[in-house]
C-alpha cells in the first residue's frame, strides 16, 4: 500500500515542473504517488503531465481546478490525499534521490499517532542547508518552538499525517489568492509535536515569479487573507507578547488596506492592537508606497 503522497501545487509552471518530475523518477523508493494540483494554469501544464502519466514511470494523479491561490490548492490536495503521509514539494523545487526512502524509513522506525509528522531540511540546489540544521539533542518539537525556543532558522520541509492535515482548511476570500500556510501548521502545533529528521528532503530554488520573492505584492493584493492569518497568530497560547504585538502591527496594516473599520472589534487582542495602531499605520504607508513603485 502506498504510504506517501508528494503533492505539488502549480500555476503556469510547465517550464520548471520537468525538474521536479525527473528527480521523482530517480527516487530510491517508489512507494509514493505524485499528486499535481493544477490551480487553473493557462500554459501547457495539462498536456505535459499527460505525457508523463503515459510514460508510467511513477504513480501520478492530476487534478485541475479554477485558480484559488496556493492555499486553495493545498485545501484541494488535502481532500484528495488518501495515503498515511504527505509532503508538499513546490513546482520550482525537487527531492534528492533518497528523500522518499529517508521519510518512509524514519517513519517506520519512529512514527506514531503521538506526533503529527516530521520536520526535515531544505537545501539550496548547490547543497547548502537553508538556515540551520535541527538540534541533534532534540528528538521532537513543535514547529513554533523550533524557531522561537531552539534558535532554528530557515525554511524546513514538513511531512504530515494526512488525517490531520484535512483539519483547519484555509478560508477563501473573494478576489484574493493568499493565506499564510503556517496557519494550519500552528493549529496542529497545539495538539502534537513533530519528529526531527536531519536529512535534506527538498532542494529549493527561489524563482523570480515565486511567492517567496513576491511577498510585498501578495501583502497588498490579499489584505483579508493576511489579516485573518495575523488574527490567528495572535491567538496562539504559546506565543510571546512581543510575537503577538508584531502580529497586531501587521493586522492593523492589512485591515487599513482592505478598508475594515471594524478591526478593533474583531481583534482577539484589543489592547495590543490599540497600541500597535501607530506602527500599523506606518507599515501601511510603507507597503502602499513600495507597491506603487514596484
C-alpha atoms as a PDB file:
ATOM      1  CA  UNK A   1       0.000   0.000   0.000  1.00  0.00           C
ATOM      2  CA  UNK A   2       1.334   3.445  -0.945  1.00  0.00           C
ATOM      3  CA  UNK A   3       2.385   5.340   2.187  1.00  0.00           C
ATOM      4  CA  UNK A   4       3.318   8.814   0.944  1.00  0.00           C
ATOM      5  CA  UNK A   5       1.804  11.472  -1.295  1.00  0.00           C
ATOM      6  CA  UNK A   6       4.136  14.075  -2.716  1.00  0.00           C
ATOM      7  CA  UNK A   7       1.858  16.901  -3.786  1.00  0.00           C
ATOM      8  CA  UNK A   8       2.730  19.853  -5.971  1.00  0.00           C
ATOM      9  CA  UNK A   9       0.514  22.915  -6.385  1.00  0.00           C
ATOM     10  CA  UNK A  10       1.279  24.559  -9.708  1.00  0.00           C
ATOM     11  CA  UNK A  11       0.171  27.567 -11.720  1.00  0.00           C
ATOM     12  CA  UNK A  12       1.697  28.197 -15.167  1.00  0.00           C
ATOM     13  CA  UNK A  13       4.851  26.323 -14.236  1.00  0.00           C
ATOM     14  CA  UNK A  14       5.099  23.850 -17.126  1.00  0.00           C
ATOM     15  CA  UNK A  15       8.587  25.191 -17.789  1.00  0.00           C
ATOM     16  CA  UNK A  16      10.015  24.110 -14.409  1.00  0.00           C
ATOM     17  CA  UNK A  17       7.903  21.059 -13.487  1.00  0.00           C
ATOM     18  CA  UNK A  18      10.148  18.685 -15.512  1.00  0.00           C
ATOM     19  CA  UNK A  19      12.970  19.143 -12.973  1.00  0.00           C
ATOM     20  CA  UNK A  20      10.646  18.047 -10.190  1.00  0.00           C
ATOM     21  CA  UNK A  21       9.455  15.093 -12.295  1.00  0.00           C
ATOM     22  CA  UNK A  22      12.903  13.880 -13.319  1.00  0.00           C
ATOM     23  CA  UNK A  23      14.060  13.833  -9.710  1.00  0.00           C
ATOM     24  CA  UNK A  24      10.970  11.979  -8.553  1.00  0.00           C
ATOM     25  CA  UNK A  25      11.778   9.297 -11.137  1.00  0.00           C
ATOM     26  CA  UNK A  26      15.214   8.940  -9.517  1.00  0.00           C
ATOM     27  CA  UNK A  27      13.836   8.187  -6.044  1.00  0.00           C
ATOM     28  CA  UNK A  28      15.376   5.078  -4.480  1.00  0.00           C
ATOM     29  CA  UNK A  29      11.919   4.208  -3.118  1.00  0.00           C
ATOM     30  CA  UNK A  30       8.920   4.293  -5.422  1.00  0.00           C
ATOM     31  CA  UNK A  31       6.411   3.893  -2.592  1.00  0.00           C
ATOM     32  CA  UNK A  32       4.770   7.266  -3.252  1.00  0.00           C
ATOM     33  CA  UNK A  33       2.256   8.959  -5.512  1.00  0.00           C
ATOM     34  CA  UNK A  34       2.785  12.369  -7.084  1.00  0.00           C
ATOM     35  CA  UNK A  35      -0.372  14.477  -6.823  1.00  0.00           C
ATOM     36  CA  UNK A  36      -0.310  17.555  -9.061  1.00  0.00           C
ATOM     37  CA  UNK A  37      -2.857  20.273  -8.278  1.00  0.00           C
ATOM     38  CA  UNK A  38      -3.124  22.479 -11.364  1.00  0.00           C
ATOM     39  CA  UNK A  39      -4.503  25.739  -9.999  1.00  0.00           C
ATOM     40  CA  UNK A  40      -6.017  26.993 -13.263  1.00  0.00           C
ATOM     41  CA  UNK A  41      -2.886  27.117 -15.424  1.00  0.00           C
ATOM     42  CA  UNK A  42      -3.206  28.690 -18.875  1.00  0.00           C
ATOM     43  CA  UNK A  43       0.017  27.190 -20.229  1.00  0.00           C
ATOM     44  CA  UNK A  44       0.502  23.591 -21.422  1.00  0.00           C
ATOM     45  CA  UNK A  45       0.779  22.045 -17.948  1.00  0.00           C
ATOM     46  CA  UNK A  46      -2.075  19.597 -18.606  1.00  0.00           C
ATOM     47  CA  UNK A  47      -0.503  18.297 -21.826  1.00  0.00           C
ATOM     48  CA  UNK A  48       2.933  17.967 -20.237  1.00  0.00           C
ATOM     49  CA  UNK A  49       1.565  15.972 -17.306  1.00  0.00           C
ATOM     50  CA  UNK A  50      -0.499  13.769 -19.622  1.00  0.00           C
ATOM     51  CA  UNK A  51       2.721  12.742 -21.343  1.00  0.00           C
ATOM     52  CA  UNK A  52       4.285  11.770 -18.013  1.00  0.00           C
ATOM     53  CA  UNK A  53       1.231   9.761 -16.991  1.00  0.00           C
ATOM     54  CA  UNK A  54       1.523   7.864 -20.276  1.00  0.00           C
ATOM     55  CA  UNK A  55       5.177   7.074 -19.500  1.00  0.00           C
ATOM     56  CA  UNK A  56       4.038   5.289 -16.311  1.00  0.00           C
ATOM     57  CA  UNK A  57       7.455   5.732 -14.668  1.00  0.00           C
ATOM     58  CA  UNK A  58       5.893   6.767 -11.328  1.00  0.00           C
ATOM     59  CA  UNK A  59       2.353   6.985  -9.949  1.00  0.00           C
ATOM     60  CA  UNK A  60       0.829  10.340 -10.890  1.00  0.00           C
ATOM     61  CA  UNK A  61      -2.538  11.863 -10.052  1.00  0.00           C
ATOM     62  CA  UNK A  62      -3.542  15.095 -11.782  1.00  0.00           C
ATOM     63  CA  UNK A  63      -6.304  17.436 -10.656  1.00  0.00           C
ATOM     64  CA  UNK A  64      -7.214  20.712 -12.329  1.00  0.00           C
ATOM     65  CA  UNK A  65      -9.258  23.448 -10.646  1.00  0.00           C
ATOM     66  CA  UNK A  66     -10.119  27.111 -11.061  1.00  0.00           C
ATOM     67  CA  UNK A  67      -7.420  29.409  -9.742  1.00  0.00           C
ATOM     68  CA  UNK A  68      -7.672  29.828  -5.958  1.00  0.00           C
ATOM     69  CA  UNK A  69      -4.095  30.558  -4.970  1.00  0.00           C
ATOM     70  CA  UNK A  70      -1.578  28.404  -3.147  1.00  0.00           C
ATOM     71  CA  UNK A  71      -3.734  27.885  -0.046  1.00  0.00           C
ATOM     72  CA  UNK A  72      -6.722  26.856  -2.174  1.00  0.00           C
ATOM     73  CA  UNK A  73      -4.551  24.297  -3.955  1.00  0.00           C
ATOM     74  CA  UNK A  74      -3.451  22.967  -0.565  1.00  0.00           C
ATOM     75  CA  UNK A  75      -7.099  22.655   0.520  1.00  0.00           C
ATOM     76  CA  UNK A  76      -7.837  20.532  -2.541  1.00  0.00           C
ATOM     77  CA  UNK A  77      -4.745  18.388  -2.101  1.00  0.00           C
ATOM     78  CA  UNK A  78      -5.590  17.549   1.500  1.00  0.00           C
ATOM     79  CA  UNK A  79      -9.085  16.474   0.473  1.00  0.00           C
ATOM     80  CA  UNK A  80      -7.758  14.202  -2.292  1.00  0.00           C
ATOM     81  CA  UNK A  81      -4.820  12.611  -0.486  1.00  0.00           C
ATOM     82  CA  UNK A  82      -5.505   9.029   0.619  1.00  0.00           C
ATOM     83  CA  UNK A  83      -2.069   7.967   1.894  1.00  0.00           C
ATOM     84  CA  UNK A  84      -0.892   7.970   5.504  1.00  0.00           C
ATOM     85  CA  UNK A  85       1.690  10.721   4.958  1.00  0.00           C
ATOM     86  CA  UNK A  86       2.040  13.735   2.701  1.00  0.00           C
ATOM     87  CA  UNK A  87       4.664  16.313   1.829  1.00  0.00           C
ATOM     88  CA  UNK A  88       4.427  19.384  -0.382  1.00  0.00           C
ATOM     89  CA  UNK A  89       7.134  19.925  -2.996  1.00  0.00           C
ATOM     90  CA  UNK A  90       6.629  23.180  -4.844  1.00  0.00           C
ATOM     91  CA  UNK A  91       6.814  23.300  -8.629  1.00  0.00           C
ATOM     92  CA  UNK A  92      10.210  25.011  -8.614  1.00  0.00           C
ATOM     93  CA  UNK A  93      11.727  22.554  -6.101  1.00  0.00           C
ATOM     94  CA  UNK A  94      12.770  18.906  -6.210  1.00  0.00           C
ATOM     95  CA  UNK A  95      13.596  15.982  -3.915  1.00  0.00           C
ATOM     96  CA  UNK A  96      17.088  14.464  -3.721  1.00  0.00           C
ATOM     97  CA  UNK A  97      17.128  10.769  -4.757  1.00  0.00           C
ATOM     98  CA  UNK A  98      16.995   9.319  -1.226  1.00  0.00           C
ATOM     99  CA  UNK A  99      14.352  11.697   0.197  1.00  0.00           C
ATOM    100  CA  UNK A 100      11.324   9.390  -0.069  1.00  0.00           C
ATOM    101  CA  UNK A 101      13.323   6.498   1.354  1.00  0.00           C
ATOM    102  CA  UNK A 102      14.501   8.664   4.275  1.00  0.00           C
ATOM    103  CA  UNK A 103      10.915   9.679   5.055  1.00  0.00           C
ATOM    104  CA  UNK A 104       9.471   6.176   4.937  1.00  0.00           C
ATOM    105  CA  UNK A 105      12.323   4.502   6.829  1.00  0.00           C
ATOM    106  CA  UNK A 106      12.331   7.151   9.551  1.00  0.00           C
ATOM    107  CA  UNK A 107       8.555   6.978   9.935  1.00  0.00           C
ATOM    108  CA  UNK A 108       8.596   3.163  10.137  1.00  0.00           C
ATOM    109  CA  UNK A 109      11.158   3.347  12.944  1.00  0.00           C
ATOM    110  CA  UNK A 110       9.818   6.310  14.925  1.00  0.00           C
ATOM    111  CA  UNK A 111       6.368   7.309  13.653  1.00  0.00           C
ATOM    112  CA  UNK A 112       3.230   7.036  15.758  1.00  0.00           C
ATOM    113  CA  UNK A 113      -0.131   8.642  16.413  1.00  0.00           C
ATOM    114  CA  UNK A 114       1.532  10.653  19.177  1.00  0.00           C
ATOM    115  CA  UNK A 115       3.137  13.003  16.649  1.00  0.00           C
ATOM    116  CA  UNK A 116       1.753  14.917  13.667  1.00  0.00           C
ATOM    117  CA  UNK A 117       4.626  14.065  11.358  1.00  0.00           C
ATOM    118  CA  UNK A 118       8.256  15.039  10.875  1.00  0.00           C
ATOM    119  CA  UNK A 119      10.409  18.042  10.068  1.00  0.00           C
ATOM    120  CA  UNK A 120      13.304  17.659   7.620  1.00  0.00           C
ATOM    121  CA  UNK A 121      15.780  20.010   5.971  1.00  0.00           C
ATOM    122  CA  UNK A 122      15.656  22.176   2.871  1.00  0.00           C
ATOM    123  CA  UNK A 123      18.807  22.949   0.922  1.00  0.00           C
ATOM    124  CA  UNK A 124      19.748  25.170  -1.973  1.00  0.00           C
ATOM    125  CA  UNK A 125      20.432  23.422  -5.261  1.00  0.00           C
ATOM    126  CA  UNK A 126      24.191  23.639  -4.556  1.00  0.00           C
ATOM    127  CA  UNK A 127      23.745  21.549  -1.401  1.00  0.00           C
ATOM    128  CA  UNK A 128      23.971  24.317   1.209  1.00  0.00           C
ATOM    129  CA  UNK A 129      21.470  23.855   4.061  1.00  0.00           C
ATOM    130  CA  UNK A 130      18.929  26.678   4.245  1.00  0.00           C
ATOM    131  CA  UNK A 131      19.329  28.253   7.661  1.00  0.00           C
ATOM    132  CA  UNK A 132      20.439  25.922  10.449  1.00  0.00           C
ATOM    133  CA  UNK A 133      20.257  22.187  10.960  1.00  0.00           C
ATOM    134  CA  UNK A 134      17.875  20.776  13.544  1.00  0.00           C
ATOM    135  CA  UNK A 135      19.185  20.362  17.116  1.00  0.00           C
ATOM    136  CA  UNK A 136      20.888  16.954  17.361  1.00  0.00           C
ATOM    137  CA  UNK A 137      19.926  16.611  21.033  1.00  0.00           C
ATOM    138  CA  UNK A 138      16.241  17.101  20.291  1.00  0.00           C
ATOM    139  CA  UNK A 139      14.025  14.264  19.068  1.00  0.00           C
ATOM    140  CA  UNK A 140      10.682  16.077  18.985  1.00  0.00           C
ATOM    141  CA  UNK A 141       9.419  19.634  18.888  1.00  0.00           C
ATOM    142  CA  UNK A 142       6.549  21.746  17.658  1.00  0.00           C
ATOM    143  CA  UNK A 143       7.332  23.828  14.600  1.00  0.00           C
ATOM    144  CA  UNK A 144       6.745  27.051  16.535  1.00  0.00           C
ATOM    145  CA  UNK A 145       9.111  26.153  19.381  1.00  0.00           C
ATOM    146  CA  UNK A 146      11.764  25.014  16.939  1.00  0.00           C
ATOM    147  CA  UNK A 147      12.114  28.607  15.750  1.00  0.00           C
ATOM    148  CA  UNK A 148      11.142  30.584  18.847  1.00  0.00           C
ATOM    149  CA  UNK A 149      12.841  28.496  21.554  1.00  0.00           C
ATOM    150  CA  UNK A 150      15.570  26.415  19.934  1.00  0.00           C
ATOM    151  CA  UNK A 151      17.042  29.017  17.596  1.00  0.00           C
ATOM    152  CA  UNK A 152      16.433  27.189  14.320  1.00  0.00           C
ATOM    153  CA  UNK A 153      16.394  29.385  11.203  1.00  0.00           C
ATOM    154  CA  UNK A 154      15.483  28.935   7.534  1.00  0.00           C
ATOM    155  CA  UNK A 155      12.782  27.041   5.669  1.00  0.00           C
ATOM    156  CA  UNK A 156      12.248  23.411   6.621  1.00  0.00           C
ATOM    157  CA  UNK A 157      10.345  20.592   4.942  1.00  0.00           C
ATOM    158  CA  UNK A 158       7.234  19.327   6.715  1.00  0.00           C
ATOM    159  CA  UNK A 159       5.812  15.824   6.386  1.00  0.00           C
ATOM    160  CA  UNK A 160       2.393  15.367   7.983  1.00  0.00           C
ATOM    161  CA  UNK A 161      -0.048  12.605   8.795  1.00  0.00           C
ATOM    162  CA  UNK A 162      -2.758  13.108   6.203  1.00  0.00           C
ATOM    163  CA  UNK A 163      -5.705  12.565   8.525  1.00  0.00           C
ATOM    164  CA  UNK A 164      -4.560  15.660  10.444  1.00  0.00           C
ATOM    165  CA  UNK A 165      -3.967  17.977   7.510  1.00  0.00           C
ATOM    166  CA  UNK A 166      -7.588  17.698   6.453  1.00  0.00           C
ATOM    167  CA  UNK A 167      -8.435  19.739   9.545  1.00  0.00           C
ATOM    168  CA  UNK A 168      -8.316  23.542   9.610  1.00  0.00           C
ATOM    169  CA  UNK A 169      -8.961  24.279   5.914  1.00  0.00           C
ATOM    170  CA  UNK A 170      -7.742  27.649   4.688  1.00  0.00           C
ATOM    171  CA  UNK A 171     -10.507  30.232   4.129  1.00  0.00           C
ATOM    172  CA  UNK A 172     -11.062  31.502   0.594  1.00  0.00           C
ATOM    173  CA  UNK A 173     -11.588  35.258   0.320  1.00  0.00           C
ATOM    174  CA  UNK A 174     -13.230  36.687  -2.787  1.00  0.00           C
ATOM    175  CA  UNK A 175     -10.742  38.226  -5.237  1.00  0.00           C
ATOM    176  CA  UNK A 176      -7.805  37.160  -3.071  1.00  0.00           C
ATOM    177  CA  UNK A 177      -5.282  34.366  -3.611  1.00  0.00           C
ATOM    178  CA  UNK A 178      -3.203  34.119  -0.442  1.00  0.00           C
ATOM    179  CA  UNK A 179      -3.476  32.938   3.157  1.00  0.00           C
ATOM    180  CA  UNK A 180      -0.375  32.027   5.178  1.00  0.00           C
ATOM    181  CA  UNK A 181       0.114  28.253   5.069  1.00  0.00           C
ATOM    182  CA  UNK A 182       1.562  28.223   8.589  1.00  0.00           C
ATOM    183  CA  UNK A 183      -1.954  28.836   9.957  1.00  0.00           C
ATOM    184  CA  UNK A 184      -2.645  25.087   9.690  1.00  0.00           C
ATOM    185  CA  UNK A 185       0.794  24.115  10.989  1.00  0.00           C
ATOM    186  CA  UNK A 186       0.482  26.225  14.132  1.00  0.00           C
ATOM    187  CA  UNK A 187      -3.003  24.849  14.752  1.00  0.00           C
ATOM    188  CA  UNK A 188      -1.564  21.327  14.688  1.00  0.00           C
ATOM    189  CA  UNK A 189       1.255  22.501  16.968  1.00  0.00           C
ATOM    190  CA  UNK A 190      -1.353  22.968  19.689  1.00  0.00           C
ATOM    191  CA  UNK A 191      -2.088  19.240  19.625  1.00  0.00           C
ATOM    192  CA  UNK A 192       1.127  17.450  18.625  1.00  0.00           C
ATOM    193  CA  UNK A 193       4.892  17.629  18.427  1.00  0.00           C
ATOM    194  CA  UNK A 194       6.796  16.572  15.300  1.00  0.00           C
ATOM    195  CA  UNK A 195       9.752  14.238  14.871  1.00  0.00           C
ATOM    196  CA  UNK A 196      13.027  15.818  13.762  1.00  0.00           C
ATOM    197  CA  UNK A 197      14.921  14.360  10.803  1.00  0.00           C
ATOM    198  CA  UNK A 198      18.280  15.945   9.964  1.00  0.00           C
ATOM    199  CA  UNK A 199      18.200  14.914   6.305  1.00  0.00           C
ATOM    200  CA  UNK A 200      17.658  17.050   3.222  1.00  0.00           C
ATOM    201  CA  UNK A 201      14.210  16.275   1.839  1.00  0.00           C
ATOM    202  CA  UNK A 202      13.891  19.139  -0.626  1.00  0.00           C
ATOM    203  CA  UNK A 203      16.202  21.204  -2.837  1.00  0.00           C
ATOM    204  CA  UNK A 204      14.930  24.730  -3.298  1.00  0.00           C
ATOM    205  CA  UNK A 205      15.373  27.349  -5.977  1.00  0.00           C
ATOM    206  CA  UNK A 206      13.685  30.686  -5.393  1.00  0.00           C
ATOM    207  CA  UNK A 207      12.438  31.746  -8.826  1.00  0.00           C
ATOM    208  CA  UNK A 208      11.635  35.387  -9.725  1.00  0.00           C
ATOM    209  CA  UNK A 209       7.918  34.579 -10.060  1.00  0.00           C
ATOM    210  CA  UNK A 210       7.743  32.577  -6.842  1.00  0.00           C
ATOM    211  CA  UNK A 211       5.576  33.670  -3.913  1.00  0.00           C
ATOM    212  CA  UNK A 212       8.588  33.911  -1.576  1.00  0.00           C
ATOM    213  CA  UNK A 213      10.120  36.710  -3.655  1.00  0.00           C
ATOM    214  CA  UNK A 214       6.816  38.490  -4.284  1.00  0.00           C
ATOM    215  CA  UNK A 215       5.595  38.780  -0.697  1.00  0.00           C
ATOM    216  CA  UNK A 216       5.179  42.583  -0.780  1.00  0.00           C
ATOM    217  CA  UNK A 217       2.807  42.339  -3.738  1.00  0.00           C
ATOM    218  CA  UNK A 218       0.980  39.473  -2.053  1.00  0.00           C
ATOM    219  CA  UNK A 219       0.629  41.631   1.054  1.00  0.00           C
ATOM    220  CA  UNK A 220      -1.050  44.488  -0.806  1.00  0.00           C
ATOM    221  CA  UNK A 221      -3.255  42.286  -3.024  1.00  0.00           C
ATOM    222  CA  UNK A 222      -4.527  39.938  -0.307  1.00  0.00           C
ATOM    223  CA  UNK A 223      -5.192  42.050   2.796  1.00  0.00           C
ATOM    224  CA  UNK A 224      -8.140  39.979   4.073  1.00  0.00           C
ATOM    225  CA  UNK A 225      -6.080  36.804   3.898  1.00  0.00           C
ATOM    226  CA  UNK A 226      -3.168  38.453   5.686  1.00  0.00           C
ATOM    227  CA  UNK A 227      -5.449  39.967   8.347  1.00  0.00           C
ATOM    228  CA  UNK A 228      -7.022  36.556   9.000  1.00  0.00           C
ATOM    229  CA  UNK A 229      -3.592  34.956   9.317  1.00  0.00           C
ATOM    230  CA  UNK A 230      -2.360  37.604  11.764  1.00  0.00           C
ATOM    231  CA  UNK A 231      -5.502  37.285  13.903  1.00  0.00           C
ATOM    232  CA  UNK A 232      -4.964  33.545  14.158  1.00  0.00           C
ATOM    233  CA  UNK A 233      -1.349  34.006  15.220  1.00  0.00           C
ATOM    234  CA  UNK A 234      -2.471  36.388  17.963  1.00  0.00           C
ATOM    235  CA  UNK A 235      -4.491  33.510  19.439  1.00  0.00           C
ATOM    236  CA  UNK A 236      -1.560  31.143  19.841  1.00  0.00           C
ATOM    237  CA  UNK A 237      -1.421  30.221  23.550  1.00  0.00           C
ATOM    238  CA  UNK A 238       2.321  29.569  23.481  1.00  0.00           C
ATOM    239  CA  UNK A 239       3.352  32.799  21.690  1.00  0.00           C
ATOM    240  CA  UNK A 240       5.240  35.572  23.469  1.00  0.00           C
ATOM    241  CA  UNK A 241       3.866  39.072  23.974  1.00  0.00           C
ATOM    242  CA  UNK A 242       6.385  40.524  21.519  1.00  0.00           C
ATOM    243  CA  UNK A 243       5.377  37.977  18.879  1.00  0.00           C
ATOM    244  CA  UNK A 244       1.705  38.837  19.315  1.00  0.00           C
ATOM    245  CA  UNK A 245       2.452  42.561  19.165  1.00  0.00           C
ATOM    246  CA  UNK A 246       4.192  42.073  15.830  1.00  0.00           C
ATOM    247  CA  UNK A 247       1.097  40.291  14.526  1.00  0.00           C
ATOM    248  CA  UNK A 248      -1.032  43.220  15.696  1.00  0.00           C
ATOM    249  CA  UNK A 249       1.077  45.653  13.688  1.00  0.00           C
ATOM    250  CA  UNK A 250       0.573  43.621  10.527  1.00  0.00           C
ATOM    251  CA  UNK A 251      -3.111  43.123  11.337  1.00  0.00           C
ATOM    252  CA  UNK A 252      -3.652  46.895  11.590  1.00  0.00           C
ATOM    253  CA  UNK A 253      -1.836  47.469   8.297  1.00  0.00           C
ATOM    254  CA  UNK A 254      -3.799  44.783   6.445  1.00  0.00           C
ATOM    255  CA  UNK A 255      -7.079  45.999   7.938  1.00  0.00           C
ATOM    256  CA  UNK A 256      -6.416  49.509   6.625  1.00  0.00           C
ATOM    257  CA  UNK A 257      -5.575  48.153   3.169  1.00  0.00           C
ATOM    258  CA  UNK A 258      -8.864  46.248   2.934  1.00  0.00           C
ATOM    259  CA  UNK A 259     -10.866  49.098   4.479  1.00  0.00           C
ATOM    260  CA  UNK A 260     -12.045  47.154   7.517  1.00  0.00           C
ATOM    261  CA  UNK A 261     -13.212  49.750  10.042  1.00  0.00           C
ATOM    262  CA  UNK A 262     -14.288  47.034  12.464  1.00  0.00           C
ATOM    263  CA  UNK A 263     -10.766  45.741  13.029  1.00  0.00           C
ATOM    264  CA  UNK A 264     -10.716  46.810  16.697  1.00  0.00           C
ATOM    265  CA  UNK A 265     -13.931  44.889  17.378  1.00  0.00           C
ATOM    266  CA  UNK A 266     -12.655  41.809  15.551  1.00  0.00           C
ATOM    267  CA  UNK A 267      -9.189  41.548  17.054  1.00  0.00           C
ATOM    268  CA  UNK A 268      -8.607  38.871  19.722  1.00  0.00           C
ATOM    269  CA  UNK A 269      -6.001  41.141  21.389  1.00  0.00           C
ATOM    270  CA  UNK A 270      -7.669  44.530  21.781  1.00  0.00           C
ATOM    271  CA  UNK A 271      -5.113  46.301  23.977  1.00  0.00           C
ATOM    272  CA  UNK A 272      -2.122  45.152  21.940  1.00  0.00           C
ATOM    273  CA  UNK A 273      -3.892  46.057  18.714  1.00  0.00           C
ATOM    274  CA  UNK A 274      -4.695  49.533  20.034  1.00  0.00           C
ATOM    275  CA  UNK A 275      -1.057  50.056  20.974  1.00  0.00           C
ATOM    276  CA  UNK A 276       0.009  48.793  17.539  1.00  0.00           C
ATOM    277  CA  UNK A 277      -2.074  51.320  15.560  1.00  0.00           C
ATOM    278  CA  UNK A 278       0.726  53.910  15.043  1.00  0.00           C
ATOM    279  CA  UNK A 279       3.198  51.296  13.810  1.00  0.00           C
ATOM    280  CA  UNK A 280       0.479  49.604  11.766  1.00  0.00           C
ATOM    281  CA  UNK A 281      -0.262  52.912  10.038  1.00  0.00           C
ATOM    282  CA  UNK A 282       3.439  53.346   9.286  1.00  0.00           C
ATOM    283  CA  UNK A 283       3.616  49.823   7.840  1.00  0.00           C
ATOM    284  CA  UNK A 284       0.525  50.529   5.726  1.00  0.00           C
ATOM    285  CA  UNK A 285       2.212  53.640   4.323  1.00  0.00           C
ATOM    286  CA  UNK A 286       5.410  51.685   3.576  1.00  0.00           C
ATOM    287  CA  UNK A 287       3.594  48.817   1.834  1.00  0.00           C
ATOM    288  CA  UNK A 288       1.420  51.225  -0.202  1.00  0.00           C
ATOM    289  CA  UNK A 289       4.438  53.242  -1.310  1.00  0.00           C
ATOM    290  CA  UNK A 290       6.580  50.227  -2.221  1.00  0.00           C
ATOM    291  CA  UNK A 291       3.701  48.560  -4.052  1.00  0.00           C
ATOM    292  CA  UNK A 292       3.182  51.630  -6.224  1.00  0.00           C
ATOM    293  CA  UNK A 293       6.893  51.803  -7.030  1.00  0.00           C
ATOM    294  CA  UNK A 294       7.129  48.124  -7.951  1.00  0.00           C
END
